[in-house]
Amino acid sequence: MTAKISPTKGAPYARILGVGGYRPTRVVSNEVILEGIDSSDEWIRTRSGIASRHWAGPEETVAEMSLAAGGKAIAAAGIDASAIDAVVVATVSHFKQTPAIATEIAHRIGAGKPAAFDISAGCAGFAYGLTLAKSMVVDGSAAHVLVIGVERLSDLTDKSDRGTAFLFGDGAGAVVVGPSEVPAIGPTVWGSEGDKADIITQTVAWDSFREGDSIRLPLDGNGEVKFPAITQEGQAVFRWAVYEMAKVAQEALDAAGITADQLDAFIPHQANMRIIDSMIKALKLPDHVAVARDIETTGNTSAASIPLAMERLLDTGEAKSGDTALVIGFGAGLVYAAAVVTLP
């Protein structure tokens, strides 16, 4: 006799119910960055669009920033923390291999005993987490999912590297994904290009720090061992993002049955202002579309950049609840993910 497995009964659709963000107290200007590299404020602004970024202090840990952002998202969603059935944390800067930081966050935020796990998808991490959350809600394995993108990239920044020292910032952004009676998170267009894995990477692997491997470690000007840092081939990243990610963004619009002129907002990963401008041009976005440019004062916060930018657009009134937005994340891997969403 063949047993029959009972199907789960989830919501017909899923939506973002609330968003929250946290930016560290310390604001770091380009002038501070210039203390470690031979460059200029004008060059940094022209190449990246960045004027300042936030760097976390000792008490602003990955967990603490996540709790602040997650708490705001839960409050905005109008639910109690005990209603959270799963916590998904996207990050590359939680340095403990195990356990996942999501379990600590779930416990401390008051969610009880939800499913909790971390994902590593670089700057596309939040969009990956959003996709997983949508699937959980529709599948029925969770009614409400807390998705957090959080980074302390200042810990992974080589302050003497002219090509990356000015790029990265710290922060956390979070959303609560829950049930919806109408489609509010479109199909995700996602993928990877592993043949380009070396374009954005960590300078050395953690296991290089084992005793006896010191010959493989990078050294600073004083001969001291340098902590691993994120490095990238800037021009290769720029070309890939501009030419390939615009195609992915268009595919996400097509999959959702939305045209560019029907969009109210565009919230791309905050990697580089020139990349954002190039994507706007490639997608032929009308002037009425609000475009997230959070990178100017926040820098590149990797997995945190999309929810932080989303929160800012809503807080400033540039976008409003119910607006239709295109989100796209892309970065190390190389990986990418894009979808059309209804803003909370």
Protein backbone atom coordinates (compact mmCIF):
# COMPACT_ATOMS: atom_id res chain seq x y z
CA MET A 1 0.00 0.00 0.00
CA THR A 2 1.36 3.43 -0.99
CA ALA A 3 0.86 6.09 1.66
CA LYS A 4 -0.29 9.52 0.57
CA ILE A 5 1.46 12.60 1.86
CA SER A 6 -0.94 15.39 2.79
CA PRO A 7 -0.24 18.66 0.99
CA THR A 8 0.44 21.84 2.94
CA LYS A 9 -2.01 24.71 2.77
CA GLY A 10 -0.35 28.07 2.57
CA ALA A 11 -1.53 31.52 1.59
CA PRO A 12 -2.58 32.13 -2.00
CA TYR A 13 0.13 34.78 -2.33
CA ALA A 14 2.78 36.58 -0.26
CA ARG A 15 3.67 40.22 0.31
CA ILE A 16 6.06 42.45 2.22
CA LEU A 17 4.17 43.61 5.31
CA GLY A 18 6.76 45.88 6.89
CA VAL A 19 10.31 47.16 6.47
CA GLY A 20 12.90 48.45 8.94
CA GLY A 21 16.51 49.54 8.86
CA TYR A 22 19.46 50.37 11.06
CA ARG A 23 22.42 52.59 10.19
CA PRO A 24 25.37 52.78 12.59
CA THR A 25 25.91 56.01 14.50
CA ARG A 26 29.34 56.81 13.07
CA VAL A 27 29.32 58.60 9.72
CA VAL A 28 32.58 58.28 7.78
CA SER A 29 33.27 60.94 5.17
CA ASN A 30 35.48 60.54 2.11
CA GLU A 31 38.05 62.70 3.86
CA VAL A 32 38.54 59.95 6.44
CA ILE A 33 38.95 57.36 3.68
CA LEU A 34 41.59 59.52 2.02
CA GLU A 35 43.81 59.15 5.08
CA GLY A 36 44.58 55.62 3.87
CA ILE A 37 44.62 55.93 0.09
CA ASP A 38 46.02 58.26 -2.57
CA SER A 39 42.86 59.64 -4.13
CA SER A 40 40.46 62.59 -3.86
CA ASP A 41 36.90 63.29 -2.78
CA GLU A 42 36.06 64.27 -6.35
CA TRP A 43 37.42 60.99 -7.74
CA ILE A 44 35.47 58.89 -5.23
CA ARG A 45 32.23 60.77 -5.90
CA THR A 46 32.70 60.62 -9.67
CA ARG A 47 33.55 56.91 -9.74
CA SER A 48 31.02 55.68 -7.19
CA GLY A 49 28.62 58.45 -6.19
CA ILE A 50 29.56 57.93 -2.53
CA ALA A 51 29.99 60.95 -0.24
CA SER A 52 29.89 59.11 3.09
CA ARG A 53 29.09 55.79 4.70
CA HIS A 54 28.29 54.40 8.15
CA TRP A 55 30.77 52.22 10.03
CA ALA A 56 29.71 50.20 13.04
CA GLY A 57 31.22 50.65 16.48
CA PRO A 58 32.20 47.79 18.80
CA GLU A 59 28.68 47.49 20.24
CA GLU A 60 26.98 47.61 16.83
CA THR A 61 27.44 43.94 16.05
CA VAL A 62 25.78 41.96 13.28
CA ALA A 63 23.28 40.66 15.85
CA GLU A 64 22.54 44.07 17.43
CA MET A 65 22.01 45.80 14.08
CA SER A 66 19.77 42.93 12.96
CA LEU A 67 17.68 43.15 16.11
CA ALA A 68 17.17 46.89 15.61
CA ALA A 69 16.16 46.54 11.95
CA GLY A 70 14.10 43.41 12.55
CA GLY A 71 12.23 44.98 15.44
CA LYS A 72 11.27 47.96 13.28
CA ALA A 73 10.08 45.67 10.46
CA ILE A 74 7.94 43.60 12.85
CA ALA A 75 6.39 46.75 14.34
CA ALA A 76 5.70 48.13 10.85
CA ALA A 77 4.04 44.85 9.90
CA GLY A 78 1.68 45.22 12.83
CA ILE A 79 2.35 41.78 14.28
CA ASP A 80 3.90 40.42 17.44
CA ALA A 81 7.37 38.89 17.28
CA SER A 82 5.86 35.59 18.45
CA ALA A 83 4.06 35.38 15.08
CA ILE A 84 7.38 35.00 13.22
CA ASP A 85 7.70 31.41 11.97
CA ALA A 86 11.09 31.72 10.26
CA VAL A 87 14.11 34.02 10.36
CA VAL A 88 16.39 34.25 7.32
CA VAL A 89 19.59 36.27 7.63
CA ALA A 90 21.64 37.19 4.56
CA THR A 91 25.20 38.18 5.43
CA VAL A 92 28.86 37.60 4.62
CA SER A 93 30.21 39.32 7.72
CA HIS A 94 29.13 37.03 10.55
CA PHE A 95 32.50 35.47 11.31
CA LYS A 96 31.35 32.48 13.34
CA GLN A 97 31.11 29.45 11.10
CA THR A 98 28.42 27.97 13.32
CA PRO A 99 25.83 28.41 14.71
CA ALA A 100 23.97 30.67 12.33
CA ILE A 101 23.42 34.19 13.67
CA ALA A 102 19.74 33.81 12.72
CA THR A 103 19.14 31.53 15.70
CA GLU A 104 20.41 34.13 18.19
CA ILE A 105 18.36 36.84 16.50
CA ALA A 106 15.21 34.69 16.54
CA HIS A 107 15.58 34.03 20.25
CA ARG A 108 16.44 37.58 21.30
CA ILE A 109 13.74 39.20 19.19
CA GLY A 110 11.10 37.07 20.90
CA ALA A 111 10.09 34.83 18.03
CA GLY A 112 10.04 31.65 20.11
CA LYS A 113 11.28 28.61 18.20
CA PRO A 114 11.04 29.49 14.51
CA ALA A 115 13.07 28.02 11.69
CA ALA A 116 16.26 30.08 11.52
CA PHE A 117 19.21 30.02 9.14
CA ASP A 118 21.79 32.18 7.39
CA ILE A 119 22.40 32.43 3.67
CA SER A 120 25.50 33.62 1.82
CA ALA A 121 24.68 35.20 -1.52
CA GLY A 122 26.68 38.40 -1.30
CA CYS A 123 24.92 41.51 -2.49
CA ALA A 124 22.03 39.41 -3.83
CA GLY A 125 21.48 37.89 -0.38
CA PHE A 126 18.39 39.91 0.51
CA ALA A 127 16.68 39.14 -2.80
CA TYR A 128 17.47 35.45 -2.31
CA GLY A 129 16.03 35.59 1.20
CA LEU A 130 12.91 37.35 -0.05
CA THR A 131 12.37 34.57 -2.60
CA LEU A 132 12.73 31.87 0.05
CA ALA A 133 10.32 33.72 2.35
CA LYS A 134 7.70 34.02 -0.36
CA SER A 135 7.94 30.30 -1.06
CA MET A 136 7.56 29.44 2.64
CA VAL A 137 4.43 31.55 3.00
CA VAL A 138 2.79 30.18 -0.13
CA ASP A 139 3.88 26.62 0.64
CA GLY A 140 2.46 26.85 4.16
CA SER A 141 5.64 26.10 6.10
CA ALA A 142 5.51 29.62 7.59
CA ALA A 143 2.89 32.34 7.91
CA HIS A 144 5.32 35.18 8.64
CA VAL A 145 9.02 35.28 7.77
CA LEU A 146 11.56 37.83 8.95
CA VAL A 147 14.19 38.44 6.26
CA ILE A 148 17.27 40.39 7.30
CA GLY A 149 20.18 41.66 5.24
CA VAL A 150 23.02 42.75 7.50
CA GLU A 151 26.69 43.57 7.04
CA ARG A 152 29.73 44.92 8.90
CA LEU A 153 31.78 45.31 5.74
CA SER A 154 34.14 47.72 7.46
CA ASP A 155 35.59 44.56 9.03
CA LEU A 156 36.30 43.22 5.54
CA THR A 157 37.64 46.42 4.01
CA ASP A 158 41.31 46.95 3.25
CA LYS A 159 41.62 50.61 4.21
CA SER A 160 44.76 50.91 2.05
CA ASP A 161 43.25 49.45 -1.14
CA ARG A 162 42.55 52.35 -3.48
CA GLY A 163 40.02 50.33 -5.45
CA THR A 164 37.74 49.30 -2.57
CA ALA A 165 38.53 51.33 0.57
CA PHE A 166 35.82 53.90 -0.20
CA LEU A 167 33.08 51.48 -1.25
CA PHE A 168 31.75 49.64 1.75
CA GLY A 169 29.50 50.57 4.62
CA ASP A 170 27.72 48.84 7.50
CA GLY A 171 24.05 48.46 8.37
CA ALA A 172 21.02 46.21 8.50
CA GLY A 173 17.70 46.14 6.69
CA ALA A 174 14.77 43.82 7.29
CA VAL A 175 11.31 42.98 6.02
CA VAL A 176 8.47 40.79 7.24
CA VAL A 177 6.91 38.65 4.52
CA GLY A 178 3.41 37.35 5.14
CA PRO A 179 0.17 36.23 3.48
CA SER A 180 -1.63 38.17 0.78
CA GLU A 181 -4.90 37.78 -1.10
CA VAL A 182 -3.40 39.26 -4.26
CA PRO A 183 -0.01 38.83 -5.97
CA ALA A 184 2.45 41.23 -4.32
CA ILE A 185 5.83 39.55 -4.92
CA GLY A 186 6.41 38.62 -8.52
CA PRO A 187 8.37 35.71 -9.94
CA THR A 188 12.08 35.84 -9.13
CA VAL A 189 14.59 35.81 -11.95
CA TRP A 190 17.80 34.56 -10.38
CA GLY A 191 20.95 32.69 -11.18
CA SER A 192 24.72 32.55 -10.94
CA GLU A 193 27.83 32.78 -13.11
CA GLY A 194 30.42 30.77 -11.25
CA ASP A 195 32.97 31.16 -14.02
CA LYS A 196 33.33 34.74 -12.76
CA ALA A 197 33.78 33.80 -9.09
CA ASP A 198 37.18 35.49 -8.85
CA ILE A 199 35.90 38.90 -9.93
CA ILE A 200 34.61 39.63 -6.41
CA THR A 201 36.18 37.55 -3.68
CA GLN A 202 37.91 37.43 -0.31
CA THR A 203 41.65 38.03 -0.40
CA VAL A 204 42.47 34.83 1.49
CA ALA A 205 40.41 31.94 2.83
CA TRP A 206 39.94 31.54 6.59
CA ASP A 207 41.82 28.25 6.62
CA SER A 208 44.95 30.10 5.49
CA PHE A 209 45.28 31.28 9.08
CA ARG A 210 46.07 27.78 10.29
CA GLU A 211 49.47 27.40 11.84
CA GLY A 212 52.06 26.78 9.15
CA ASP A 213 50.15 28.63 6.43
CA SER A 214 51.55 32.08 7.21
CA ILE A 215 53.40 32.22 3.90
CA ARG A 216 50.02 32.49 2.17
CA LEU A 217 48.83 35.48 4.20
CA PRO A 218 48.86 39.08 2.94
CA LEU A 219 51.09 41.53 4.79
CA ASP A 220 50.82 45.28 5.30
CA GLY A 221 53.63 47.78 4.82
CA ASN A 222 55.04 46.93 8.24
CA GLY A 223 55.16 43.20 7.57
CA GLU A 224 52.15 42.53 9.81
CA VAL A 225 49.51 40.00 8.73
CA LYS A 226 46.44 41.68 7.24
CA PHE A 227 42.91 40.50 8.01
CA PRO A 228 41.05 39.08 4.99
CA ALA A 229 39.27 41.70 2.91
CA ILE A 230 36.90 41.88 -0.03
CA THR A 231 38.63 42.53 -3.32
CA GLN A 232 37.22 42.99 -6.79
CA GLU A 233 38.08 43.67 -10.40
CA GLY A 234 36.24 46.97 -10.66
CA GLN A 235 35.97 47.32 -14.42
CA ALA A 236 34.86 43.70 -14.91
CA VAL A 237 32.20 44.10 -12.23
CA PHE A 238 30.99 47.34 -13.78
CA ARG A 239 30.67 45.88 -17.27
CA TRP A 240 28.87 42.79 -16.00
CA ALA A 241 26.44 44.77 -13.87
CA VAL A 242 25.63 47.32 -16.55
CA TYR A 243 25.16 44.95 -19.47
CA GLU A 244 23.94 41.73 -17.89
CA MET A 245 21.90 42.93 -14.91
CA ALA A 246 19.78 45.26 -17.00
CA LYS A 247 18.71 42.16 -18.94
CA VAL A 248 17.85 40.34 -15.71
CA ALA A 249 15.85 43.33 -14.49
CA GLN A 250 13.89 43.37 -17.75
CA GLU A 251 13.23 39.64 -17.42
CA ALA A 252 11.80 40.23 -13.94
CA LEU A 253 9.48 42.92 -15.31
CA ASP A 254 8.36 40.60 -18.10
CA ALA A 255 7.80 37.70 -15.70
CA ALA A 256 5.58 39.92 -13.53
CA GLY A 257 3.66 41.25 -16.52
CA ILE A 258 4.75 44.80 -15.69
CA THR A 259 6.08 47.41 -18.09
CA ALA A 260 8.63 50.09 -17.20
CA ASP A 261 6.01 52.83 -17.33
CA GLN A 262 3.87 50.95 -14.78
CA LEU A 263 6.64 51.03 -12.18
CA ASP A 264 6.55 53.49 -9.30
CA ALA A 265 10.01 52.74 -7.90
CA PHE A 266 13.31 51.12 -8.80
CA ILE A 267 15.39 49.75 -5.90
CA PRO A 268 18.62 48.19 -7.18
CA HIS A 269 21.48 46.98 -5.03
CA GLN A 270 23.45 50.07 -4.07
CA ALA A 271 26.74 49.10 -5.67
CA ASN A 272 27.69 52.19 -7.64
CA MET A 273 25.79 55.30 -8.77
CA ARG A 274 27.07 54.93 -12.33
CA ILE A 275 25.72 51.38 -12.48
CA ILE A 276 22.34 52.61 -11.26
CA ASP A 277 22.26 55.38 -13.88
CA SER A 278 23.23 52.96 -16.64
CA MET A 279 20.47 50.53 -15.65
CA ILE A 280 17.89 53.31 -15.65
CA LYS A 281 18.92 54.16 -19.20
CA ALA A 282 18.93 50.54 -20.37
CA LEU A 283 15.49 49.89 -18.89
CA LYS A 284 14.16 53.17 -20.31
CA LEU A 285 12.58 54.08 -16.98
CA PRO A 286 10.26 57.10 -17.12
CA ASP A 287 10.99 60.19 -15.06
CA HIS A 288 8.13 59.46 -12.65
CA VAL A 289 9.86 56.31 -11.32
CA ALA A 290 11.47 56.96 -7.93
CA VAL A 291 15.02 55.61 -7.94
CA ALA A 292 16.87 54.56 -4.79
CA ARG A 293 20.20 56.36 -4.48
CA ASP A 294 20.93 55.49 -0.88
CA ILE A 295 24.54 54.72 -1.80
CA GLU A 296 25.45 58.43 -1.65
CA THR A 297 25.31 58.51 2.16
CA THR A 298 25.31 54.79 3.04
CA GLY A 299 27.88 53.24 0.70
CA ASN A 300 27.67 49.66 -0.50
CA THR A 301 26.17 47.59 2.33
CA SER A 302 25.87 44.38 0.29
CA ALA A 303 22.93 42.27 1.54
CA ALA A 304 21.55 45.21 3.56
CA SER A 305 21.42 47.70 0.70
CA ILE A 306 18.00 46.93 -0.82
CA PRO A 307 15.92 46.96 2.38
CA LEU A 308 17.79 50.03 3.65
CA ALA A 309 17.11 51.82 0.37
CA MET A 310 13.49 50.68 0.43
CA GLU A 311 12.99 52.06 3.92
CA ARG A 312 14.52 55.41 2.96
CA LEU A 313 12.33 55.80 -0.14
CA LEU A 314 9.25 55.23 1.99
CA ASP A 315 10.42 57.45 4.86
CA THR A 316 11.21 60.37 2.53
CA GLY A 317 7.90 60.04 0.69
CA GLU A 318 9.59 59.40 -2.65
CA ALA A 319 7.64 56.14 -2.70
CA LYS A 320 4.52 55.14 -0.81
CA SER A 321 2.81 52.02 0.48
CA GLY A 322 1.18 50.09 -2.34
CA ASP A 323 3.60 51.31 -5.00
CA THR A 324 5.01 48.83 -7.49
CA ALA A 325 8.79 48.48 -7.28
CA LEU A 326 11.47 46.55 -9.12
CA VAL A 327 14.23 45.21 -6.85
CA ILE A 328 17.45 43.59 -8.03
CA GLY A 329 20.50 42.36 -6.16
CA PHE A 330 23.78 41.27 -7.72
CA GLY A 331 27.30 40.59 -6.54
CA ALA A 332 29.92 38.07 -5.46
CA GLY A 333 29.50 34.62 -6.89
CA LEU A 334 28.64 36.04 -9.28
CA VAL A 335 24.97 35.81 -8.30
CA TYR A 336 21.85 37.83 -8.97
CA ALA A 337 18.12 37.95 -8.24
CA ALA A 338 15.35 40.33 -9.31
CA ALA A 339 11.60 40.61 -8.70
CA VAL A 340 8.75 43.08 -8.81
CA VAL A 341 7.14 43.76 -5.42
CA THR A 342 4.38 45.84 -3.89
CA LEU A 343 5.86 48.17 -1.27
CA PRO A 344 4.55 47.79 2.29
